[in-house]
Structures are given as C-alpha cells and as structure tokens.
Amino acid sequence: MPVPRVLVTDSALELIRKLQSVHGDLMFHQSGGCCDGSQPMCFPKGEFMIGSSDVCLGEIEGCRFYMNEDQFEYWKHTQLTLDVTPGRGSSFSLEIPLGVRFFIHSKMFTEQELENLAPLLVEST
C-alpha cells in the first residue's frame, strides 16, 4: 500500500467535515509565506487558482492538497499531517472565523517509506 504524503488528525477531519457542510467541496493549498506565514489554507474548491507550478500531494476527505513545486522541493522528504489549533490565523482560510486555524506537523520519511510513496496527483483536463 502506498505511503500517503498527507495525513489528517481526527480534530482536523471533524473541522473539514463541518466546513464541507457549509461550503461544499473544499481544497487546501500549503502557503509559502506572505500574510499567513507557511500554513495550509482551506478554500471552497476552485476558489484558489491552481497554477502550472503547483503540485497535488494527495487528498484528505476528498479535498485535494496542493503546494507550489518550489516549496515542494524542500518538503518532498516529509510527510505532512494536517491538524487544527485554537487561535486566529492571519489568512483567508475558511476556518479563521471559527477561532481556529489549520497547521502542519511534519516528519521525515524513512528510506522504506520513500520507496513506497504515493504518487503526486495529476490534474484532469
């Protein structure tokens, strides 16, 4: 079984489902900076324009998780776990009005995990 590049905690999964009930299909983009630092941002699917330099690391609860390829070069050896914490982030992510924010835990893949990684997802045309 392929090793996923992105995992999710139970608390983040609960929040995703709550946001889906209000906003429908969602997507994530791991920000590389600007006003929100480096944190995952959640949008209604299609609201954030994915560019040719973005890669899709996988899906969480049916939500695609993207990152810019330059940033991916630094993170490609790590498994990301999407989590949630109390506090207001400074981004445009959907969870911010609820007084919580998504964040990432990361761990380095083992050699064995690297050999069995799930492939990056390709956008359908």
C-alpha atoms as a PDB file:
ATOM      1  CA  MET A   1       0.000   0.000   0.000  1.00  0.00           C
ATOM      2  CA  PRO A   2       1.459   3.402  -0.969  1.00  0.00           C
ATOM      3  CA  VAL A   3       2.565   5.697   1.848  1.00  0.00           C
ATOM      4  CA  PRO A   4       0.449   8.886   1.800  1.00  0.00           C
ATOM      5  CA  ARG A   5       2.211  12.231   1.611  1.00  0.00           C
ATOM      6  CA  VAL A   6      -0.531  13.969   3.639  1.00  0.00           C
ATOM      7  CA  LEU A   7      -2.367  12.706   6.719  1.00  0.00           C
ATOM      8  CA  VAL A   8      -5.060  14.304   8.883  1.00  0.00           C
ATOM      9  CA  THR A   9      -5.795  14.279  12.622  1.00  0.00           C
ATOM     10  CA  ASP A  10      -9.256  13.473  13.956  1.00  0.00           C
ATOM     11  CA  SER A  11      -9.803  17.074  15.066  1.00  0.00           C
ATOM     12  CA  ALA A  12      -8.856  18.429  11.631  1.00  0.00           C
ATOM     13  CA  LEU A  13     -11.085  15.830   9.980  1.00  0.00           C
ATOM     14  CA  GLU A  14     -14.011  16.963  12.137  1.00  0.00           C
ATOM     15  CA  LEU A  15     -13.385  20.590  11.140  1.00  0.00           C
ATOM     16  CA  ILE A  16     -13.130  19.676   7.442  1.00  0.00           C
ATOM     17  CA  ARG A  17     -16.498  17.927   7.614  1.00  0.00           C
ATOM     18  CA  LYS A  18     -18.036  20.951   9.360  1.00  0.00           C
ATOM     19  CA  LEU A  19     -16.658  23.286   6.677  1.00  0.00           C
ATOM     20  CA  GLN A  20     -17.858  20.957   3.910  1.00  0.00           C
ATOM     21  CA  SER A  21     -21.389  21.060   5.324  1.00  0.00           C
ATOM     22  CA  VAL A  22     -21.376  24.842   4.908  1.00  0.00           C
ATOM     23  CA  HIS A  23     -19.155  25.411   1.848  1.00  0.00           C
ATOM     24  CA  GLY A  24     -19.393  22.179  -0.163  1.00  0.00           C
ATOM     25  CA  ASP A  25     -16.293  20.745  -1.815  1.00  0.00           C
ATOM     26  CA  LEU A  26     -13.015  22.105  -0.443  1.00  0.00           C
ATOM     27  CA  MET A  27      -9.349  22.289  -1.359  1.00  0.00           C
ATOM     28  CA  PHE A  28      -6.130  23.048   0.527  1.00  0.00           C
ATOM     29  CA  HIS A  29      -3.024  24.946  -0.514  1.00  0.00           C
ATOM     30  CA  GLN A  30       0.080  24.935   1.665  1.00  0.00           C
ATOM     31  CA  SER A  31       1.050  28.570   1.699  1.00  0.00           C
ATOM     32  CA  GLY A  32       4.658  29.534   1.269  1.00  0.00           C
ATOM     33  CA  GLY A  33       4.513  32.834   3.065  1.00  0.00           C
ATOM     34  CA  CYS A  34       3.099  36.326   2.713  1.00  0.00           C
ATOM     35  CA  CYS A  35       0.467  37.374   5.229  1.00  0.00           C
ATOM     36  CA  ASP A  36      -0.212  33.879   6.534  1.00  0.00           C
ATOM     37  CA  GLY A  37       3.293  32.519   7.089  1.00  0.00           C
ATOM     38  CA  SER A  38       3.579  28.928   5.970  1.00  0.00           C
ATOM     39  CA  GLN A  39       0.305  27.291   6.807  1.00  0.00           C
ATOM     40  CA  PRO A  40      -2.317  25.268   4.997  1.00  0.00           C
ATOM     41  CA  MET A  41      -5.157  27.348   3.691  1.00  0.00           C
ATOM     42  CA  CYS A  42      -8.637  25.946   3.052  1.00  0.00           C
ATOM     43  CA  PHE A  43     -10.842  27.285   0.260  1.00  0.00           C
ATOM     44  CA  PRO A  44     -14.035  26.245  -1.498  1.00  0.00           C
ATOM     45  CA  LYS A  45     -12.929  24.002  -4.358  1.00  0.00           C
ATOM     46  CA  GLY A  46     -11.894  26.118  -7.335  1.00  0.00           C
ATOM     47  CA  GLU A  47     -11.758  29.421  -5.443  1.00  0.00           C
ATOM     48  CA  PHE A  48      -7.956  29.357  -5.234  1.00  0.00           C
ATOM     49  CA  MET A  49      -6.456  29.257  -8.713  1.00  0.00           C
ATOM     50  CA  ILE A  50      -4.002  26.406  -9.028  1.00  0.00           C
ATOM     51  CA  GLY A  51      -1.112  27.243 -11.323  1.00  0.00           C
ATOM     52  CA  SER A  52       1.150  25.143 -13.501  1.00  0.00           C
ATOM     53  CA  SER A  53       3.813  25.322 -10.775  1.00  0.00           C
ATOM     54  CA  ASP A  54       1.557  23.755  -8.114  1.00  0.00           C
ATOM     55  CA  VAL A  55       1.639  20.051  -7.293  1.00  0.00           C
ATOM     56  CA  CYS A  56      -1.058  17.975  -5.641  1.00  0.00           C
ATOM     57  CA  LEU A  57       0.317  15.875  -2.790  1.00  0.00           C
ATOM     58  CA  GLY A  58      -2.890  13.895  -2.262  1.00  0.00           C
ATOM     59  CA  GLU A  59      -6.408  14.100  -0.906  1.00  0.00           C
ATOM     60  CA  ILE A  60      -7.826  14.430   2.583  1.00  0.00           C
ATOM     61  CA  GLU A  61     -11.524  13.585   2.958  1.00  0.00           C
ATOM     62  CA  GLY A  62     -11.964  14.241  -0.769  1.00  0.00           C
ATOM     63  CA  CYS A  63     -10.104  17.586  -0.593  1.00  0.00           C
ATOM     64  CA  ARG A  64      -7.030  17.953  -2.773  1.00  0.00           C
ATOM     65  CA  PHE A  65      -3.929  19.280  -1.012  1.00  0.00           C
ATOM     66  CA  TYR A  66      -1.608  21.470  -3.119  1.00  0.00           C
ATOM     67  CA  MET A  67       1.782  23.092  -2.706  1.00  0.00           C
ATOM     68  CA  ASN A  68       3.981  25.152  -5.025  1.00  0.00           C
ATOM     69  CA  GLU A  69       6.650  22.994  -6.677  1.00  0.00           C
ATOM     70  CA  ASP A  70       9.483  25.205  -5.369  1.00  0.00           C
ATOM     71  CA  GLN A  71       8.258  24.701  -1.816  1.00  0.00           C
ATOM     72  CA  PHE A  72       7.691  21.006  -2.521  1.00  0.00           C
ATOM     73  CA  GLU A  73      11.398  20.637  -3.333  1.00  0.00           C
ATOM     74  CA  TYR A  74      12.105  21.463   0.333  1.00  0.00           C
ATOM     75  CA  TRP A  75       9.266  19.315   1.720  1.00  0.00           C
ATOM     76  CA  LYS A  76       9.340  16.287  -0.600  1.00  0.00           C
ATOM     77  CA  HIS A  77      11.098  14.139   2.001  1.00  0.00           C
ATOM     78  CA  THR A  78       8.486  14.828   4.676  1.00  0.00           C
ATOM     79  CA  GLN A  79       5.049  13.507   5.452  1.00  0.00           C
ATOM     80  CA  LEU A  80       2.630  16.277   6.375  1.00  0.00           C
ATOM     81  CA  THR A  81      -0.135  15.872   8.936  1.00  0.00           C
ATOM     82  CA  LEU A  82      -2.930  18.426   8.826  1.00  0.00           C
ATOM     83  CA  ASP A  83      -4.063  19.459  12.308  1.00  0.00           C
ATOM     84  CA  VAL A  84      -6.067  22.271  13.899  1.00  0.00           C
ATOM     85  CA  THR A  85      -5.406  24.516  16.886  1.00  0.00           C
ATOM     86  CA  PRO A  86      -7.305  27.283  18.688  1.00  0.00           C
ATOM     87  CA  GLY A  87      -6.366  30.778  17.654  1.00  0.00           C
ATOM     88  CA  ARG A  88      -6.969  33.113  14.821  1.00  0.00           C
ATOM     89  CA  GLY A  89      -4.527  32.906  11.952  1.00  0.00           C
ATOM     90  CA  SER A  90      -3.922  35.829   9.640  1.00  0.00           C
ATOM     91  CA  SER A  91      -5.102  34.306   6.403  1.00  0.00           C
ATOM     92  CA  PHE A  92      -8.120  33.988   4.156  1.00  0.00           C
ATOM     93  CA  SER A  93      -8.670  30.336   5.062  1.00  0.00           C
ATOM     94  CA  LEU A  94     -12.284  29.244   5.716  1.00  0.00           C
ATOM     95  CA  GLU A  95     -11.724  28.156   9.326  1.00  0.00           C
ATOM     96  CA  ILE A  96     -10.438  31.520  10.574  1.00  0.00           C
ATOM     97  CA  PRO A  97     -13.881  32.972  11.527  1.00  0.00           C
ATOM     98  CA  LEU A  98     -14.393  29.918  13.781  1.00  0.00           C
ATOM     99  CA  GLY A  99     -11.461  30.947  16.009  1.00  0.00           C
ATOM    100  CA  VAL A 100      -9.240  28.063  14.926  1.00  0.00           C
ATOM    101  CA  ARG A 101      -6.595  27.526  12.276  1.00  0.00           C
ATOM    102  CA  PHE A 102      -5.137  24.616  10.390  1.00  0.00           C
ATOM    103  CA  PHE A 103      -1.442  23.881  10.785  1.00  0.00           C
ATOM    104  CA  ILE A 104       1.008  21.182   9.717  1.00  0.00           C
ATOM    105  CA  HIS A 105       3.088  18.664  11.633  1.00  0.00           C
ATOM    106  CA  SER A 106       5.824  17.100   9.556  1.00  0.00           C
ATOM    107  CA  LYS A 107       8.132  14.128   9.842  1.00  0.00           C
ATOM    108  CA  MET A 108      10.878  12.859   7.602  1.00  0.00           C
ATOM    109  CA  PHE A 109      10.026   9.769   5.587  1.00  0.00           C
ATOM    110  CA  THR A 110      12.071   6.670   6.318  1.00  0.00           C
ATOM    111  CA  GLU A 111      14.030   5.100   3.455  1.00  0.00           C
ATOM    112  CA  GLN A 112      11.387   2.376   3.210  1.00  0.00           C
ATOM    113  CA  GLU A 113       8.571   4.944   3.097  1.00  0.00           C
ATOM    114  CA  LEU A 114      10.367   6.904   0.368  1.00  0.00           C
ATOM    115  CA  GLU A 115      10.479   3.751  -1.750  1.00  0.00           C
ATOM    116  CA  ASN A 116       6.710   3.293  -1.361  1.00  0.00           C
ATOM    117  CA  LEU A 117       5.395   6.864  -1.634  1.00  0.00           C
ATOM    118  CA  ALA A 118       2.019   7.539  -3.180  1.00  0.00           C
ATOM    119  CA  PRO A 119       2.484   9.369  -6.487  1.00  0.00           C
ATOM    120  CA  LEU A 120       1.663  13.043  -6.841  1.00  0.00           C
ATOM    121  CA  LEU A 121      -1.841  13.526  -8.221  1.00  0.00           C
ATOM    122  CA  VAL A 122      -2.240  14.918 -11.708  1.00  0.00           C
ATOM    123  CA  GLU A 123      -4.944  17.431 -12.596  1.00  0.00           C
ATOM    124  CA  SER A 124      -7.512  16.164 -15.075  1.00  0.00           C
ATOM    125  CA  THR A 125      -8.103  18.341 -18.111  1.00  0.00           C
END
